[in-house]
Amino acid sequence: MAAPEKLLTPAEPRAKSWVEPPLIDLKPVNWFFDLNRAMSLWPITFGLACCAIEMMSASMARFDIARFGAEVFRPSARQADLMMVTGTVSKKMAPVLVRLYEQMPAPKYVMACGNCAISGGPFKFEGQYGVVEGVDRLVPVDVYVPGCPPRPEAILEGVFKIQEIITGRRWWPEPREMA
């Protein structure tokens, strides 16, 4: 029997307000800062598998994630405020993911993209030993984007949901139903 791993315990539930409150609480100033945070998300480049191709295509001309304020993919965790985990997280990669998450400045947000990042995907079966069955076992996840791989439109919807979490309202039109 292998010893239980410390990193693979369920993540702590996210506190309601996990950033120190300001000394002077002015609602218009806080609203202004939250709006600026939401419209200038800097995601960290953390593509692990085929879902990363869809994340890259979301930043290309057809979908253009830059129109919605999340253009600058950062190579350093110290400059990012959104971690898009796209793909299969192996137990060998888990400590790296946790370290990058801990290096991100607060407030920080996590988006799990794809079935592998959400639940282990097709690699979840009895007896498997190398895949983390959900990134939420490592870090607290704010938004789940399902799909195998998720379409770029779904990734954009995840970004919209993060913006809604930050500001409290949706800033972009709802998607229309296809007839």
Protein backbone atom coordinates (compact mmCIF):
# COMPACT_ATOMS: atom_id res chain seq x y z
CA MET A 1 0.00 0.00 0.00
CA ALA A 2 1.25 3.42 -0.91
CA ALA A 3 1.20 6.16 1.69
CA PRO A 4 -1.52 8.78 1.15
CA GLU A 5 -0.24 11.91 -0.56
CA LYS A 6 -0.56 15.26 1.18
CA LEU A 7 -1.31 17.22 -1.99
CA LEU A 8 -4.27 15.12 -3.05
CA THR A 9 -6.58 16.07 -0.21
CA PRO A 10 -9.69 18.03 -1.14
CA ALA A 11 -8.96 21.72 -1.43
CA GLU A 12 -10.24 24.12 1.19
CA PRO A 13 -13.54 25.77 0.26
CA ARG A 14 -12.96 29.29 -0.96
CA ALA A 15 -13.73 31.91 1.64
CA LYS A 16 -16.30 34.58 0.84
CA SER A 17 -13.69 37.34 0.99
CA TRP A 18 -10.15 36.06 0.99
CA VAL A 19 -8.45 39.39 0.24
CA GLU A 20 -7.79 41.72 3.13
CA PRO A 21 -10.58 44.29 3.35
CA PRO A 22 -9.60 47.87 2.54
CA LEU A 23 -8.99 50.33 5.35
CA ILE A 24 -11.63 52.66 3.92
CA ASP A 25 -14.54 50.90 2.21
CA LEU A 26 -15.86 53.11 -0.59
CA LYS A 27 -18.36 51.26 -2.79
CA PRO A 28 -17.71 53.25 -6.02
CA VAL A 29 -13.95 52.78 -5.67
CA ASN A 30 -14.34 49.03 -5.03
CA TRP A 31 -16.72 48.73 -7.99
CA PHE A 32 -14.18 50.53 -10.20
CA PHE A 33 -11.33 48.23 -9.11
CA ASP A 34 -13.46 45.10 -9.56
CA LEU A 35 -14.49 46.22 -13.04
CA ASN A 36 -10.87 46.82 -14.00
CA ARG A 37 -9.84 43.44 -12.59
CA ALA A 38 -12.59 41.68 -14.53
CA MET A 39 -11.81 43.38 -17.83
CA SER A 40 -8.06 42.78 -17.66
CA LEU A 41 -7.66 39.14 -16.68
CA TRP A 42 -4.16 37.79 -17.22
CA PRO A 43 -4.28 34.00 -17.53
CA ILE A 44 -1.23 31.87 -16.88
CA THR A 45 -0.16 29.62 -19.73
CA PHE A 46 -0.88 26.15 -18.30
CA GLY A 47 -1.87 23.86 -21.17
CA LEU A 48 -1.31 20.20 -20.40
CA ALA A 49 -3.02 18.27 -23.19
CA CYS A 50 -5.38 18.56 -26.16
CA CYS A 51 -7.59 21.12 -24.37
CA ALA A 52 -4.69 23.55 -24.64
CA ILE A 53 -5.18 23.62 -28.43
CA GLU A 54 -8.73 24.88 -27.87
CA MET A 55 -7.44 27.45 -25.36
CA MET A 56 -4.97 28.66 -27.99
CA SER A 57 -7.67 28.81 -30.65
CA ALA A 58 -9.81 30.93 -28.31
CA SER A 59 -7.08 33.56 -28.54
CA MET A 60 -6.90 33.50 -32.34
CA ALA A 61 -8.70 35.85 -34.74
CA ARG A 62 -12.00 33.96 -35.04
CA PHE A 63 -12.82 33.97 -31.33
CA ASP A 64 -10.36 36.64 -30.09
CA ILE A 65 -10.37 36.39 -26.32
CA ALA A 66 -8.61 39.79 -26.31
CA ARG A 67 -11.94 41.50 -27.03
CA PHE A 68 -13.08 40.39 -23.58
CA GLY A 69 -9.99 41.42 -21.64
CA ALA A 70 -8.07 38.14 -21.23
CA GLU A 71 -5.48 38.46 -23.96
CA VAL A 72 -2.14 38.57 -22.21
CA PHE A 73 -1.18 34.94 -21.46
CA ARG A 74 1.55 35.26 -18.87
CA PRO A 75 4.55 32.91 -18.64
CA SER A 76 4.98 33.66 -14.92
CA ALA A 77 2.54 32.91 -12.11
CA ARG A 78 3.55 36.10 -10.33
CA GLN A 79 2.01 38.14 -13.14
CA ALA A 80 -1.21 36.14 -13.59
CA ASP A 81 -4.57 36.24 -11.85
CA LEU A 82 -6.40 33.46 -13.72
CA MET A 83 -5.18 29.87 -14.01
CA MET A 84 -6.79 27.97 -16.87
CA VAL A 85 -6.03 24.31 -16.23
CA THR A 86 -6.55 22.70 -19.63
CA GLY A 87 -5.91 18.99 -19.87
CA THR A 88 -4.89 15.95 -17.89
CA VAL A 89 -3.15 16.63 -14.58
CA SER A 90 -0.79 13.80 -13.71
CA LYS A 91 0.33 13.16 -10.15
CA LYS A 92 3.83 14.09 -11.26
CA MET A 93 2.57 17.50 -12.43
CA ALA A 94 0.39 18.10 -9.33
CA PRO A 95 3.10 19.67 -7.12
CA VAL A 96 4.03 22.06 -9.94
CA LEU A 97 0.41 23.13 -10.36
CA VAL A 98 0.03 23.74 -6.63
CA ARG A 99 3.29 25.72 -6.52
CA LEU A 100 2.20 27.92 -9.43
CA TYR A 101 -1.17 28.50 -7.78
CA GLU A 102 0.53 29.53 -4.54
CA GLN A 103 2.80 31.96 -6.43
CA MET A 104 -0.14 33.80 -8.00
CA PRO A 105 -1.01 37.11 -6.30
CA ALA A 106 -4.43 37.52 -4.72
CA PRO A 107 -7.15 37.75 -5.88
CA LYS A 108 -6.67 34.65 -8.02
CA TYR A 109 -9.13 32.52 -9.95
CA VAL A 110 -9.00 28.99 -11.37
CA MET A 111 -10.87 27.64 -14.39
CA ALA A 112 -10.83 23.88 -15.04
CA CYS A 113 -11.24 23.29 -18.79
CA GLY A 114 -12.06 19.86 -20.17
CA ASN A 115 -13.20 16.57 -18.73
CA CYS A 116 -9.65 15.53 -17.78
CA ALA A 117 -9.10 18.60 -15.61
CA ILE A 118 -12.58 18.34 -14.10
CA SER A 119 -12.74 14.62 -13.29
CA GLY A 120 -9.84 12.72 -14.84
CA GLY A 121 -11.73 12.16 -18.11
CA PRO A 122 -11.21 8.88 -19.95
CA PHE A 123 -8.16 8.19 -17.77
CA LYS A 124 -10.34 7.66 -14.70
CA PHE A 125 -10.71 3.94 -14.17
CA GLU A 126 -10.15 1.46 -11.39
CA GLY A 127 -6.49 0.77 -10.84
CA GLN A 128 -5.11 3.88 -12.53
CA TYR A 129 -2.30 5.42 -10.56
CA GLY A 130 -0.94 8.37 -12.51
CA VAL A 131 -3.80 10.85 -13.05
CA VAL A 132 -5.37 13.28 -10.59
CA GLU A 133 -9.14 12.80 -10.75
CA GLY A 134 -10.05 16.46 -10.80
CA VAL A 135 -7.94 19.54 -10.31
CA ASP A 136 -10.29 20.59 -7.48
CA ARG A 137 -8.45 18.05 -5.32
CA LEU A 138 -5.40 20.31 -5.56
CA VAL A 139 -6.61 23.92 -5.78
CA PRO A 140 -10.03 25.59 -5.35
CA VAL A 141 -11.78 25.86 -8.72
CA ASP A 142 -14.09 28.76 -9.52
CA VAL A 143 -15.44 27.74 -12.94
CA TYR A 144 -15.73 24.34 -14.65
CA VAL A 145 -15.81 24.28 -18.47
CA PRO A 146 -16.96 20.83 -19.65
CA GLY A 147 -16.13 19.21 -22.96
CA CYS A 148 -13.62 16.88 -24.51
CA PRO A 149 -12.05 19.15 -25.59
CA PRO A 150 -14.15 22.20 -24.76
CA ARG A 151 -14.94 24.45 -27.69
CA PRO A 152 -13.42 27.95 -27.75
CA GLU A 153 -16.91 29.36 -27.23
CA ALA A 154 -17.16 27.38 -23.99
CA ILE A 155 -13.79 28.74 -22.85
CA LEU A 156 -15.05 32.25 -23.56
CA GLU A 157 -18.17 31.51 -21.50
CA GLY A 158 -15.87 30.41 -18.68
CA VAL A 159 -14.06 33.75 -18.88
CA PHE A 160 -17.44 35.53 -18.80
CA LYS A 161 -18.38 33.54 -15.68
CA ILE A 162 -15.10 34.56 -13.98
CA GLN A 163 -15.88 38.19 -14.85
CA GLU A 164 -19.35 37.71 -13.39
CA ILE A 165 -17.83 36.31 -10.18
CA ILE A 166 -15.57 39.35 -9.87
CA THR A 167 -18.12 42.09 -10.62
CA GLY A 168 -21.43 40.45 -9.74
CA ARG A 169 -23.00 40.89 -13.20
CA ARG A 170 -22.65 39.60 -16.74
CA TRP A 171 -21.12 42.15 -19.14
CA TRP A 172 -21.62 40.35 -22.46
CA PRO A 173 -24.81 39.20 -24.24
CA GLU A 174 -26.18 35.74 -23.53
CA PRO A 175 -25.58 33.19 -26.32
CA ARG A 176 -28.49 32.66 -28.67
CA GLU A 177 -30.19 29.29 -29.11
CA MET A 178 -29.47 27.57 -32.41
CA ALA A 179 -32.66 26.56 -34.20
